[in-house]
Amino acid sequence: MKLLDALVEQRINEAASRGTFNDLPGAGKPLEFDDDLLVPEEVRVANRILKNAGFVLPAVEQLRALRGLQDELDRVTDPAARCRIQVKMLALDMALESLRGGGCVPHEYRRHIAKRLSERHSRGEPEPNQP
């Protein structure tokens, strides 16, 4: 397979040196990747309309927020601040799980976990050991 890869690279470099790629549509612009090939066409059309209107799916927003909280958690060393971030992360994770269809943990139990974490934080207890 490495021989084939080398041959492909050689032909691409030759074409580039001849200027074959100079006048391609979208040259110099970032590529747009659509990962929705497995989504039915009518849903893709609706998603594209919403995207063009500036709408972002709630799951995407929540994933971005969760990633931001994880980055924040990696930087924070104060136990109380870490606990607050973990409570926010749990709430976002539960919201994402409900968007996915409920998950395997009952809603009442997830609410109980969030309440216990919040109580621990308010009492100033240290966070539980992480795996």
N, C-alpha and C. Protein backbone atom coordinates (compact mmCIF):
# COMPACT_ATOMS: atom_id res chain seq x y z
N MET A 1 0.82 -1.19 0.00
CA MET A 1 0.00 0.00 0.00
C MET A 1 0.87 1.26 0.00
N LYS A 2 2.04 1.20 0.59
CA LYS A 2 2.91 2.37 0.64
C LYS A 2 3.37 2.77 -0.75
N LEU A 3 3.54 1.79 -1.64
CA LEU A 3 3.94 2.07 -3.00
C LEU A 3 2.83 2.87 -3.71
N LEU A 4 1.59 2.45 -3.51
CA LEU A 4 0.46 3.15 -4.10
C LEU A 4 0.36 4.58 -3.55
N ASP A 5 0.54 4.73 -2.24
CA ASP A 5 0.50 6.07 -1.64
C ASP A 5 1.59 6.96 -2.22
N ALA A 6 2.79 6.41 -2.40
CA ALA A 6 3.90 7.18 -2.96
C ALA A 6 3.60 7.59 -4.40
N LEU A 7 3.00 6.69 -5.17
CA LEU A 7 2.65 7.00 -6.56
C LEU A 7 1.60 8.10 -6.63
N VAL A 8 0.60 8.02 -5.75
CA VAL A 8 -0.45 9.05 -5.71
C VAL A 8 0.16 10.40 -5.34
N GLU A 9 1.00 10.43 -4.32
CA GLU A 9 1.65 11.68 -3.91
C GLU A 9 2.49 12.26 -5.04
N GLN A 10 3.20 11.40 -5.77
CA GLN A 10 4.04 11.85 -6.87
C GLN A 10 3.17 12.50 -7.96
N ARG A 11 2.06 11.86 -8.29
CA ARG A 11 1.19 12.41 -9.34
C ARG A 11 0.53 13.71 -8.89
N ILE A 12 0.17 13.80 -7.63
CA ILE A 12 -0.41 15.05 -7.11
C ILE A 12 0.62 16.17 -7.20
N ASN A 13 1.85 15.90 -6.79
CA ASN A 13 2.91 16.91 -6.84
C ASN A 13 3.20 17.35 -8.27
N GLU A 14 3.20 16.40 -9.21
CA GLU A 14 3.42 16.75 -10.61
C GLU A 14 2.30 17.65 -11.12
N ALA A 15 1.07 17.31 -10.80
CA ALA A 15 -0.07 18.12 -11.24
C ALA A 15 -0.02 19.50 -10.62
N ALA A 16 0.37 19.59 -9.37
CA ALA A 16 0.47 20.89 -8.70
C ALA A 16 1.56 21.74 -9.34
N SER A 17 2.67 21.13 -9.69
CA SER A 17 3.76 21.90 -10.31
C SER A 17 3.37 22.38 -11.71
N ARG A 18 2.48 21.66 -12.40
CA ARG A 18 1.99 22.10 -13.70
C ARG A 18 0.92 23.17 -13.57
N GLY A 19 0.39 23.38 -12.37
CA GLY A 19 -0.64 24.39 -12.16
C GLY A 19 -2.05 23.88 -12.40
N THR A 20 -2.21 22.57 -12.40
CA THR A 20 -3.51 21.97 -12.67
C THR A 20 -4.57 22.39 -11.65
N PHE A 21 -4.14 22.64 -10.42
CA PHE A 21 -5.09 22.94 -9.34
C PHE A 21 -5.32 24.44 -9.14
N ASN A 22 -4.70 25.28 -9.95
CA ASN A 22 -4.74 26.73 -9.72
C ASN A 22 -6.12 27.35 -9.88
N ASP A 23 -6.91 26.87 -10.81
CA ASP A 23 -8.19 27.53 -11.11
C ASP A 23 -9.40 26.72 -10.66
N LEU A 24 -9.25 25.94 -9.64
CA LEU A 24 -10.36 25.14 -9.14
C LEU A 24 -11.36 26.04 -8.40
N PRO A 25 -12.66 25.73 -8.49
CA PRO A 25 -13.64 26.53 -7.73
C PRO A 25 -13.37 26.41 -6.23
N GLY A 26 -13.43 27.52 -5.54
CA GLY A 26 -13.22 27.52 -4.09
C GLY A 26 -11.75 27.51 -3.69
N ALA A 27 -10.85 27.74 -4.64
CA ALA A 27 -9.42 27.73 -4.33
C ALA A 27 -9.11 28.78 -3.27
N GLY A 28 -8.36 28.39 -2.27
CA GLY A 28 -7.97 29.30 -1.20
C GLY A 28 -9.00 29.46 -0.11
N LYS A 29 -10.13 28.81 -0.25
CA LYS A 29 -11.19 28.89 0.76
C LYS A 29 -11.22 27.59 1.56
N PRO A 30 -11.64 27.65 2.82
CA PRO A 30 -11.72 26.42 3.61
C PRO A 30 -12.77 25.46 3.05
N LEU A 31 -12.48 24.19 3.17
CA LEU A 31 -13.42 23.17 2.72
C LEU A 31 -14.58 23.07 3.69
N GLU A 32 -15.76 22.78 3.17
CA GLU A 32 -16.92 22.55 4.02
C GLU A 32 -17.25 21.07 3.98
N PHE A 33 -17.20 20.44 5.12
CA PHE A 33 -17.50 19.02 5.21
C PHE A 33 -18.91 18.83 5.74
N ASP A 34 -19.67 18.00 5.07
CA ASP A 34 -21.01 17.66 5.52
C ASP A 34 -20.98 16.21 5.99
N ASP A 35 -21.21 16.00 7.27
CA ASP A 35 -21.21 14.66 7.84
C ASP A 35 -22.62 14.10 7.95
N ASP A 36 -23.49 14.57 7.08
CA ASP A 36 -24.88 14.15 7.19
C ASP A 36 -25.30 13.23 6.04
N LEU A 37 -24.37 12.47 5.49
CA LEU A 37 -24.69 11.59 4.38
C LEU A 37 -25.68 10.49 4.77
N LEU A 38 -25.68 10.11 6.04
CA LEU A 38 -26.59 9.06 6.49
C LEU A 38 -27.94 9.60 6.95
N VAL A 39 -28.09 10.92 6.91
CA VAL A 39 -29.35 11.56 7.32
C VAL A 39 -30.27 11.58 6.10
N PRO A 40 -31.56 11.26 6.28
CA PRO A 40 -32.48 11.29 5.14
C PRO A 40 -32.49 12.67 4.47
N GLU A 41 -32.72 12.67 3.16
CA GLU A 41 -32.61 13.90 2.38
C GLU A 41 -33.52 15.01 2.89
N GLU A 42 -34.77 14.68 3.26
CA GLU A 42 -35.69 15.73 3.72
C GLU A 42 -35.23 16.34 5.04
N VAL A 43 -34.59 15.54 5.88
CA VAL A 43 -34.07 16.07 7.14
C VAL A 43 -32.84 16.94 6.87
N ARG A 44 -32.01 16.51 5.90
CA ARG A 44 -30.83 17.30 5.51
C ARG A 44 -31.24 18.68 5.03
N VAL A 45 -32.30 18.73 4.23
CA VAL A 45 -32.78 20.02 3.71
C VAL A 45 -33.22 20.91 4.86
N ALA A 46 -33.98 20.35 5.79
CA ALA A 46 -34.44 21.14 6.95
C ALA A 46 -33.25 21.61 7.78
N ASN A 47 -32.28 20.72 8.01
CA ASN A 47 -31.09 21.10 8.79
C ASN A 47 -30.31 22.21 8.10
N ARG A 48 -30.20 22.14 6.78
CA ARG A 48 -29.45 23.17 6.03
C ARG A 48 -30.16 24.52 6.12
N ILE A 49 -31.48 24.50 6.04
CA ILE A 49 -32.24 25.75 6.16
C ILE A 49 -32.02 26.37 7.53
N LEU A 50 -32.10 25.53 8.56
CA LEU A 50 -31.88 26.04 9.92
C LEU A 50 -30.45 26.56 10.10
N LYS A 51 -29.49 25.83 9.55
CA LYS A 51 -28.08 26.24 9.66
C LYS A 51 -27.87 27.57 8.96
N ASN A 52 -28.43 27.73 7.76
CA ASN A 52 -28.28 28.97 7.02
C ASN A 52 -28.95 30.15 7.73
N ALA A 53 -29.95 29.85 8.53
CA ALA A 53 -30.64 30.90 9.29
C ALA A 53 -29.92 31.22 10.61
N GLY A 54 -28.80 30.53 10.86
CA GLY A 54 -28.03 30.80 12.06
C GLY A 54 -28.44 29.98 13.26
N PHE A 55 -29.33 29.03 13.07
CA PHE A 55 -29.79 28.19 14.18
C PHE A 55 -28.79 27.07 14.41
N VAL A 56 -28.45 26.84 15.66
CA VAL A 56 -27.56 25.75 16.03
C VAL A 56 -28.36 24.76 16.87
N LEU A 57 -28.24 23.50 16.55
CA LEU A 57 -28.97 22.48 17.29
C LEU A 57 -28.61 22.53 18.77
N PRO A 58 -29.57 22.32 19.66
CA PRO A 58 -29.28 22.35 21.10
C PRO A 58 -28.18 21.37 21.49
N ALA A 59 -28.15 20.21 20.88
CA ALA A 59 -27.12 19.23 21.22
C ALA A 59 -25.72 19.75 20.89
N VAL A 60 -25.60 20.46 19.78
CA VAL A 60 -24.30 21.02 19.38
C VAL A 60 -23.87 22.09 20.38
N GLU A 61 -24.79 22.96 20.74
CA GLU A 61 -24.49 24.00 21.74
C GLU A 61 -24.07 23.37 23.07
N GLN A 62 -24.78 22.34 23.48
CA GLN A 62 -24.48 21.70 24.76
C GLN A 62 -23.14 20.99 24.71
N LEU A 63 -22.82 20.37 23.59
CA LEU A 63 -21.51 19.72 23.46
C LEU A 63 -20.38 20.75 23.51
N ARG A 64 -20.58 21.90 22.86
CA ARG A 64 -19.58 22.97 22.93
C ARG A 64 -19.40 23.45 24.37
N ALA A 65 -20.52 23.65 25.06
CA ALA A 65 -20.45 24.11 26.44
C ALA A 65 -19.78 23.07 27.32
N LEU A 66 -20.08 21.79 27.09
CA LEU A 66 -19.47 20.72 27.87
C LEU A 66 -17.96 20.68 27.64
N ARG A 67 -17.54 20.86 26.40
CA ARG A 67 -16.11 20.88 26.09
C ARG A 67 -15.43 22.06 26.79
N GLY A 68 -16.10 23.21 26.78
CA GLY A 68 -15.55 24.39 27.46
C GLY A 68 -15.43 24.17 28.96
N LEU A 69 -16.44 23.53 29.55
CA LEU A 69 -16.38 23.24 30.99
C LEU A 69 -15.27 22.24 31.30
N GLN A 70 -15.06 21.26 30.42
CA GLN A 70 -13.99 20.30 30.64
C GLN A 70 -12.63 20.99 30.59
N ASP A 71 -12.46 21.92 29.65
CA ASP A 71 -11.22 22.70 29.58
C ASP A 71 -11.03 23.51 30.85
N GLU A 72 -12.12 24.11 31.33
CA GLU A 72 -12.06 24.91 32.56
C GLU A 72 -11.70 24.01 33.76
N LEU A 73 -12.31 22.84 33.81
CA LEU A 73 -12.05 21.90 34.91
C LEU A 73 -10.59 21.48 34.93
N ASP A 74 -9.99 21.32 33.75
CA ASP A 74 -8.58 20.94 33.66
C ASP A 74 -7.65 22.02 34.22
N ARG A 75 -8.09 23.28 34.16
CA ARG A 75 -7.25 24.39 34.63
C ARG A 75 -7.45 24.72 36.10
N VAL A 76 -8.62 24.40 36.66
CA VAL A 76 -8.99 24.83 38.01
C VAL A 76 -8.47 23.82 39.04
N THR A 77 -7.93 24.35 40.13
CA THR A 77 -7.44 23.47 41.21
C THR A 77 -8.26 23.62 42.49
N ASP A 78 -9.00 24.72 42.64
CA ASP A 78 -9.80 24.95 43.83
C ASP A 78 -10.92 23.91 43.91
N PRO A 79 -11.02 23.14 45.01
CA PRO A 79 -12.04 22.09 45.11
C PRO A 79 -13.47 22.61 44.97
N ALA A 80 -13.78 23.76 45.55
CA ALA A 80 -15.14 24.29 45.45
C ALA A 80 -15.48 24.67 44.01
N ALA A 81 -14.52 25.30 43.34
CA ALA A 81 -14.75 25.68 41.94
C ALA A 81 -14.87 24.44 41.07
N ARG A 82 -14.07 23.43 41.34
CA ARG A 82 -14.16 22.18 40.57
C ARG A 82 -15.53 21.53 40.76
N CYS A 83 -16.03 21.57 41.98
CA CYS A 83 -17.34 20.98 42.27
C CYS A 83 -18.44 21.72 41.50
N ARG A 84 -18.37 23.05 41.47
CA ARG A 84 -19.36 23.84 40.73
C ARG A 84 -19.33 23.48 39.24
N ILE A 85 -18.14 23.34 38.71
CA ILE A 85 -18.00 22.99 37.29
C ILE A 85 -18.55 21.59 37.03
N GLN A 86 -18.28 20.66 37.96
CA GLN A 86 -18.77 19.30 37.79
C GLN A 86 -20.29 19.24 37.84
N VAL A 87 -20.90 20.06 38.68
CA VAL A 87 -22.36 20.12 38.75
C VAL A 87 -22.91 20.62 37.41
N LYS A 88 -22.28 21.67 36.86
CA LYS A 88 -22.71 22.19 35.56
C LYS A 88 -22.53 21.12 34.48
N MET A 89 -21.42 20.41 34.54
CA MET A 89 -21.17 19.36 33.54
C MET A 89 -22.20 18.25 33.64
N LEU A 90 -22.56 17.89 34.85
CA LEU A 90 -23.56 16.84 35.04
C LEU A 90 -24.91 17.29 34.48
N ALA A 91 -25.26 18.55 34.74
CA ALA A 91 -26.54 19.06 34.23
C ALA A 91 -26.55 19.05 32.71
N LEU A 92 -25.44 19.48 32.08
CA LEU A 92 -25.36 19.46 30.62
C LEU A 92 -25.40 18.03 30.09
N ASP A 93 -24.71 17.14 30.77
CA ASP A 93 -24.69 15.75 30.34
C ASP A 93 -26.09 15.14 30.42
N MET A 94 -26.81 15.47 31.47
CA MET A 94 -28.18 14.96 31.61
C MET A 94 -29.08 15.52 30.52
N ALA A 95 -28.90 16.80 30.19
CA ALA A 95 -29.70 17.40 29.12
C ALA A 95 -29.39 16.74 27.79
N LEU A 96 -28.13 16.47 27.54
CA LEU A 96 -27.74 15.78 26.30
C LEU A 96 -28.34 14.38 26.25
N GLU A 97 -28.30 13.71 27.37
CA GLU A 97 -28.85 12.35 27.43
C GLU A 97 -30.35 12.35 27.14
N SER A 98 -31.04 13.37 27.62
CA SER A 98 -32.48 13.43 27.35
C SER A 98 -32.74 13.70 25.87
N LEU A 99 -31.85 14.45 25.22
CA LEU A 99 -31.99 14.67 23.78
C LEU A 99 -31.75 13.38 23.00
N ARG A 100 -30.89 12.52 23.54
CA ARG A 100 -30.60 11.25 22.88
C ARG A 100 -31.72 10.24 23.07
N GLY A 101 -32.62 10.49 23.98
CA GLY A 101 -33.72 9.57 24.16
C GLY A 101 -33.84 9.00 25.55
N GLY A 102 -33.26 9.64 26.52
CA GLY A 102 -33.48 9.24 27.90
C GLY A 102 -32.35 8.49 28.55
N GLY A 103 -31.70 7.60 27.83
CA GLY A 103 -30.58 6.86 28.42
C GLY A 103 -31.03 5.80 29.38
N CYS A 104 -30.06 5.23 30.07
CA CYS A 104 -30.36 4.10 30.95
C CYS A 104 -30.56 4.51 32.40
N VAL A 105 -30.23 5.74 32.76
CA VAL A 105 -30.39 6.19 34.14
C VAL A 105 -31.71 6.94 34.25
N PRO A 106 -32.61 6.51 35.11
CA PRO A 106 -33.91 7.19 35.23
C PRO A 106 -33.75 8.67 35.59
N HIS A 107 -34.66 9.47 35.09
CA HIS A 107 -34.61 10.92 35.29
C HIS A 107 -34.57 11.28 36.77
N GLU A 108 -35.38 10.62 37.57
CA GLU A 108 -35.44 10.93 39.01
C GLU A 108 -34.09 10.67 39.68
N TYR A 109 -33.43 9.60 39.28
CA TYR A 109 -32.13 9.27 39.86
C TYR A 109 -31.08 10.31 39.46
N ARG A 110 -31.10 10.76 38.20
CA ARG A 110 -30.15 11.80 37.75
C ARG A 110 -30.38 13.09 38.54
N ARG A 111 -31.65 13.43 38.77
CA ARG A 111 -31.96 14.62 39.55
C ARG A 111 -31.42 14.48 40.98
N HIS A 112 -31.54 13.28 41.55
CA HIS A 112 -31.04 13.02 42.90
C HIS A 112 -29.51 13.18 42.95
N ILE A 113 -28.82 12.71 41.91
CA ILE A 113 -27.36 12.85 41.86
C ILE A 113 -26.97 14.33 41.82
N ALA A 114 -27.64 15.09 40.97
CA ALA A 114 -27.35 16.52 40.87
C ALA A 114 -27.59 17.23 42.19
N LYS A 115 -28.68 16.85 42.87
CA LYS A 115 -29.00 17.47 44.16
C LYS A 115 -27.92 17.15 45.18
N ARG A 116 -27.47 15.90 45.23
CA ARG A 116 -26.43 15.50 46.18
C ARG A 116 -25.11 16.24 45.91
N LEU A 117 -24.75 16.38 44.66
CA LEU A 117 -23.53 17.12 44.33
C LEU A 117 -23.64 18.57 44.77
N SER A 118 -24.80 19.14 44.54
CA SER A 118 -25.01 20.53 44.93
C SER A 118 -24.94 20.68 46.45
N GLU A 119 -25.52 19.73 47.18
CA GLU A 119 -25.47 19.77 48.65
C GLU A 119 -24.04 19.64 49.14
N ARG A 120 -23.28 18.74 48.53
CA ARG A 120 -21.87 18.58 48.92
C ARG A 120 -21.12 19.89 48.74
N HIS A 121 -21.38 20.55 47.62
CA HIS A 121 -20.70 21.81 47.35
C HIS A 121 -21.07 22.85 48.40
N SER A 122 -22.36 22.93 48.73
CA SER A 122 -22.79 23.95 49.69
C SER A 122 -22.23 23.70 51.09
N ARG A 123 -21.96 22.42 51.42
CA ARG A 123 -21.35 22.10 52.72
C ARG A 123 -19.83 22.21 52.68
N GLY A 124 -19.26 22.40 51.48
CA GLY A 124 -17.82 22.52 51.36
C GLY A 124 -17.07 21.21 51.42
N GLU A 125 -17.76 20.11 51.16
CA GLU A 125 -17.11 18.81 51.18
C GLU A 125 -16.18 18.67 49.98
N PRO A 126 -15.09 17.93 50.14
CA PRO A 126 -14.19 17.72 49.01
C PRO A 126 -14.87 16.88 47.94
N GLU A 127 -14.42 17.04 46.70
CA GLU A 127 -15.01 16.27 45.62
C GLU A 127 -14.60 14.81 45.73
N PRO A 128 -15.44 13.90 45.26
CA PRO A 128 -15.10 12.49 45.33
C PRO A 128 -13.88 12.17 44.45
N ASN A 129 -13.19 11.10 44.76
CA ASN A 129 -12.02 10.71 43.97
C ASN A 129 -12.45 10.40 42.56
N GLN A 130 -11.63 10.84 41.62
CA GLN A 130 -11.91 10.60 40.21
C GLN A 130 -11.20 9.32 39.78
N PRO A 131 -11.81 8.55 38.84
CA PRO A 131 -11.14 7.34 38.36
C PRO A 131 -9.92 7.66 37.55
